[in-house]
Amino acid sequence: MNLVNEDDQTYKLSEESKNVPVLVVKIPLNADLRKKPAIVIDGKKLGDLNFTHCNPQDGCVSTAAVNDEVIKLFEDGKTMSIVFGIYARNQNMTIEFPLKNFTKSYAKLIKK
């Protein structure tokens, strides 16, 4: 808070603008919405995503805010996988994404 008037002891909340990276994952329709998609880097599960919506244009969309620790894992990793269930099937489906050149590409994204 910033002091606006010292005599009246009036304060004003300051506003801070901060960019937060967000991972957006589009999963094909017919995903089992009861099972949360998992993020896996080099065989190590980082956590689960929450579905935000499904539609014919995008499929089923999941998002998650990404912190510096996860960015470091992306930079050091070789492969990111998204593991999700398919409706009415016992097997999960895995989609893999190479992380080669992630650091270089991410640096271009955050450059102001």
C-alpha atoms as a PDB file:
ATOM      1  CA  MET A   1       0.000   0.000   0.000  1.00  0.00           C
ATOM      2  CA  ASN A   2       1.149   3.501  -0.797  1.00  0.00           C
ATOM      3  CA  LEU A   3       0.625   6.460   1.523  1.00  0.00           C
ATOM      4  CA  VAL A   4      -1.557   9.006  -0.287  1.00  0.00           C
ATOM      5  CA  ASN A   5      -2.037  11.634   2.419  1.00  0.00           C
ATOM      6  CA  GLU A   6       0.285  11.699   5.413  1.00  0.00           C
ATOM      7  CA  ASP A   7      -1.937  14.007   7.522  1.00  0.00           C
ATOM      8  CA  ASP A   8      -5.026  11.838   7.054  1.00  0.00           C
ATOM      9  CA  GLN A   9      -3.028   8.599   7.031  1.00  0.00           C
ATOM     10  CA  THR A  10      -4.782   7.642   3.815  1.00  0.00           C
ATOM     11  CA  TYR A  11      -3.420   4.691   1.884  1.00  0.00           C
ATOM     12  CA  LYS A  12      -4.049   3.383  -1.586  1.00  0.00           C
ATOM     13  CA  LEU A  13      -3.552  -0.183  -2.722  1.00  0.00           C
ATOM     14  CA  SER A  14      -0.914  -0.393  -5.407  1.00  0.00           C
ATOM     15  CA  GLU A  15      -1.483  -2.465  -8.492  1.00  0.00           C
ATOM     16  CA  GLU A  16       1.116  -4.838  -9.795  1.00  0.00           C
ATOM     17  CA  SER A  17       1.005  -6.305 -13.263  1.00  0.00           C
ATOM     18  CA  LYS A  18       2.686  -9.681 -13.600  1.00  0.00           C
ATOM     19  CA  ASN A  19       2.762 -12.136 -16.489  1.00  0.00           C
ATOM     20  CA  VAL A  20       2.073 -15.726 -15.468  1.00  0.00           C
ATOM     21  CA  PRO A  21       2.836 -18.549 -17.916  1.00  0.00           C
ATOM     22  CA  VAL A  22      -0.098 -20.865 -18.552  1.00  0.00           C
ATOM     23  CA  LEU A  23       0.070 -24.348 -20.041  1.00  0.00           C
ATOM     24  CA  VAL A  24      -2.881 -24.995 -22.372  1.00  0.00           C
ATOM     25  CA  VAL A  25      -3.447 -28.599 -23.428  1.00  0.00           C
ATOM     26  CA  LYS A  26      -6.015 -29.599 -26.044  1.00  0.00           C
ATOM     27  CA  ILE A  27      -7.111 -33.223 -25.787  1.00  0.00           C
ATOM     28  CA  PRO A  28      -9.237 -35.002 -28.411  1.00  0.00           C
ATOM     29  CA  LEU A  29     -12.969 -35.353 -27.872  1.00  0.00           C
ATOM     30  CA  ASN A  30     -14.084 -38.596 -26.200  1.00  0.00           C
ATOM     31  CA  ALA A  31     -11.627 -38.060 -23.346  1.00  0.00           C
ATOM     32  CA  ASP A  32     -12.878 -39.471 -20.045  1.00  0.00           C
ATOM     33  CA  LEU A  33     -13.716 -36.285 -18.140  1.00  0.00           C
ATOM     34  CA  ARG A  34     -13.757 -38.191 -14.835  1.00  0.00           C
ATOM     35  CA  LYS A  35      -9.985 -38.731 -15.088  1.00  0.00           C
ATOM     36  CA  LYS A  36      -7.739 -35.686 -14.908  1.00  0.00           C
ATOM     37  CA  PRO A  37      -4.983 -35.513 -17.525  1.00  0.00           C
ATOM     38  CA  ALA A  38      -1.495 -35.945 -16.040  1.00  0.00           C
ATOM     39  CA  ILE A  39       1.635 -33.984 -16.976  1.00  0.00           C
ATOM     40  CA  VAL A  40       4.725 -36.199 -17.091  1.00  0.00           C
ATOM     41  CA  ILE A  41       8.290 -35.048 -17.810  1.00  0.00           C
ATOM     42  CA  ASP A  42      10.869 -37.732 -18.559  1.00  0.00           C
ATOM     43  CA  GLY A  43       8.747 -40.368 -16.831  1.00  0.00           C
ATOM     44  CA  LYS A  44       8.123 -38.310 -13.663  1.00  0.00           C
ATOM     45  CA  LYS A  45       4.552 -37.192 -12.976  1.00  0.00           C
ATOM     46  CA  LEU A  46       4.342 -33.489 -12.120  1.00  0.00           C
ATOM     47  CA  GLY A  47       0.631 -33.289 -11.433  1.00  0.00           C
ATOM     48  CA  ASP A  48      -2.852 -33.308 -12.896  1.00  0.00           C
ATOM     49  CA  LEU A  49      -4.679 -30.773 -15.046  1.00  0.00           C
ATOM     50  CA  ASN A  50      -8.306 -29.698 -14.756  1.00  0.00           C
ATOM     51  CA  PHE A  51     -10.598 -29.652 -17.773  1.00  0.00           C
ATOM     52  CA  THR A  52     -11.946 -26.184 -18.546  1.00  0.00           C
ATOM     53  CA  HIS A  53     -14.252 -27.011 -21.452  1.00  0.00           C
ATOM     54  CA  CYS A  54     -14.907 -29.279 -24.434  1.00  0.00           C
ATOM     55  CA  ASN A  55     -16.260 -28.348 -27.851  1.00  0.00           C
ATOM     56  CA  PRO A  56     -16.025 -29.647 -31.437  1.00  0.00           C
ATOM     57  CA  GLN A  57     -13.529 -26.955 -32.500  1.00  0.00           C
ATOM     58  CA  ASP A  58     -10.982 -27.340 -29.667  1.00  0.00           C
ATOM     59  CA  GLY A  59     -11.622 -30.804 -28.262  1.00  0.00           C
ATOM     60  CA  CYS A  60     -11.286 -30.897 -24.477  1.00  0.00           C
ATOM     61  CA  VAL A  61      -9.120 -28.134 -23.045  1.00  0.00           C
ATOM     62  CA  SER A  62      -7.099 -28.224 -19.827  1.00  0.00           C
ATOM     63  CA  THR A  63      -5.045 -25.375 -18.391  1.00  0.00           C
ATOM     64  CA  ALA A  64      -2.622 -24.825 -15.530  1.00  0.00           C
ATOM     65  CA  ALA A  65      -0.543 -21.893 -14.329  1.00  0.00           C
ATOM     66  CA  VAL A  66       3.163 -22.739 -14.537  1.00  0.00           C
ATOM     67  CA  ASN A  67       5.711 -21.609 -11.944  1.00  0.00           C
ATOM     68  CA  ASP A  68       9.492 -21.187 -12.263  1.00  0.00           C
ATOM     69  CA  GLU A  69      10.126 -24.691 -10.890  1.00  0.00           C
ATOM     70  CA  VAL A  70       8.065 -26.275 -13.677  1.00  0.00           C
ATOM     71  CA  ILE A  71       9.743 -24.061 -16.293  1.00  0.00           C
ATOM     72  CA  LYS A  72      13.115 -25.354 -15.041  1.00  0.00           C
ATOM     73  CA  LEU A  73      11.876 -28.948 -15.437  1.00  0.00           C
ATOM     74  CA  PHE A  74      10.796 -28.151 -19.011  1.00  0.00           C
ATOM     75  CA  GLU A  75      14.215 -26.629 -19.734  1.00  0.00           C
ATOM     76  CA  ASP A  76      16.099 -29.629 -18.318  1.00  0.00           C
ATOM     77  CA  GLY A  77      13.740 -32.318 -19.655  1.00  0.00           C
ATOM     78  CA  LYS A  78      13.758 -34.260 -22.871  1.00  0.00           C
ATOM     79  CA  THR A  79      10.064 -35.151 -23.259  1.00  0.00           C
ATOM     80  CA  MET A  80       6.770 -33.930 -21.823  1.00  0.00           C
ATOM     81  CA  SER A  81       3.849 -36.341 -21.964  1.00  0.00           C
ATOM     82  CA  ILE A  82       0.154 -35.794 -21.384  1.00  0.00           C
ATOM     83  CA  VAL A  83      -1.583 -38.952 -20.161  1.00  0.00           C
ATOM     84  CA  PHE A  84      -5.389 -39.052 -20.223  1.00  0.00           C
ATOM     85  CA  GLY A  85      -8.247 -41.532 -20.174  1.00  0.00           C
ATOM     86  CA  ILE A  86     -10.481 -42.374 -23.107  1.00  0.00           C
ATOM     87  CA  TYR A  87     -14.196 -42.760 -22.400  1.00  0.00           C
ATOM     88  CA  ALA A  88     -15.353 -46.425 -22.169  1.00  0.00           C
ATOM     89  CA  ARG A  89     -11.784 -47.793 -22.426  1.00  0.00           C
ATOM     90  CA  ASN A  90      -9.524 -49.179 -19.737  1.00  0.00           C
ATOM     91  CA  GLN A  91      -6.322 -47.961 -21.379  1.00  0.00           C
ATOM     92  CA  ASN A  92      -4.945 -44.449 -21.103  1.00  0.00           C
ATOM     93  CA  MET A  93      -3.654 -42.533 -24.089  1.00  0.00           C
ATOM     94  CA  THR A  94      -0.296 -40.740 -24.043  1.00  0.00           C
ATOM     95  CA  ILE A  95       0.735 -37.850 -26.254  1.00  0.00           C
ATOM     96  CA  GLU A  96       4.430 -36.946 -26.162  1.00  0.00           C
ATOM     97  CA  PHE A  97       6.021 -33.578 -26.904  1.00  0.00           C
ATOM     98  CA  PRO A  98       9.784 -33.119 -27.324  1.00  0.00           C
ATOM     99  CA  LEU A  99      11.287 -30.394 -25.139  1.00  0.00           C
ATOM    100  CA  LYS A 100      14.308 -29.833 -27.383  1.00  0.00           C
ATOM    101  CA  ASN A 101      14.944 -26.073 -27.768  1.00  0.00           C
ATOM    102  CA  PHE A 102      12.338 -25.258 -25.089  1.00  0.00           C
ATOM    103  CA  THR A 103      14.667 -22.769 -23.393  1.00  0.00           C
ATOM    104  CA  LYS A 104      15.284 -20.863 -26.623  1.00  0.00           C
ATOM    105  CA  SER A 105      11.598 -20.794 -27.588  1.00  0.00           C
ATOM    106  CA  TYR A 106      10.445 -19.800 -24.092  1.00  0.00           C
ATOM    107  CA  ALA A 107      12.961 -16.945 -24.019  1.00  0.00           C
ATOM    108  CA  LYS A 108      11.398 -15.575 -27.233  1.00  0.00           C
ATOM    109  CA  LEU A 109       7.911 -15.786 -25.700  1.00  0.00           C
ATOM    110  CA  ILE A 110       8.756 -13.825 -22.570  1.00  0.00           C
ATOM    111  CA  LYS A 111      10.924 -11.234 -24.337  1.00  0.00           C
ATOM    112  CA  LYS A 112       9.374  -7.796 -24.013  1.00  0.00           C
END
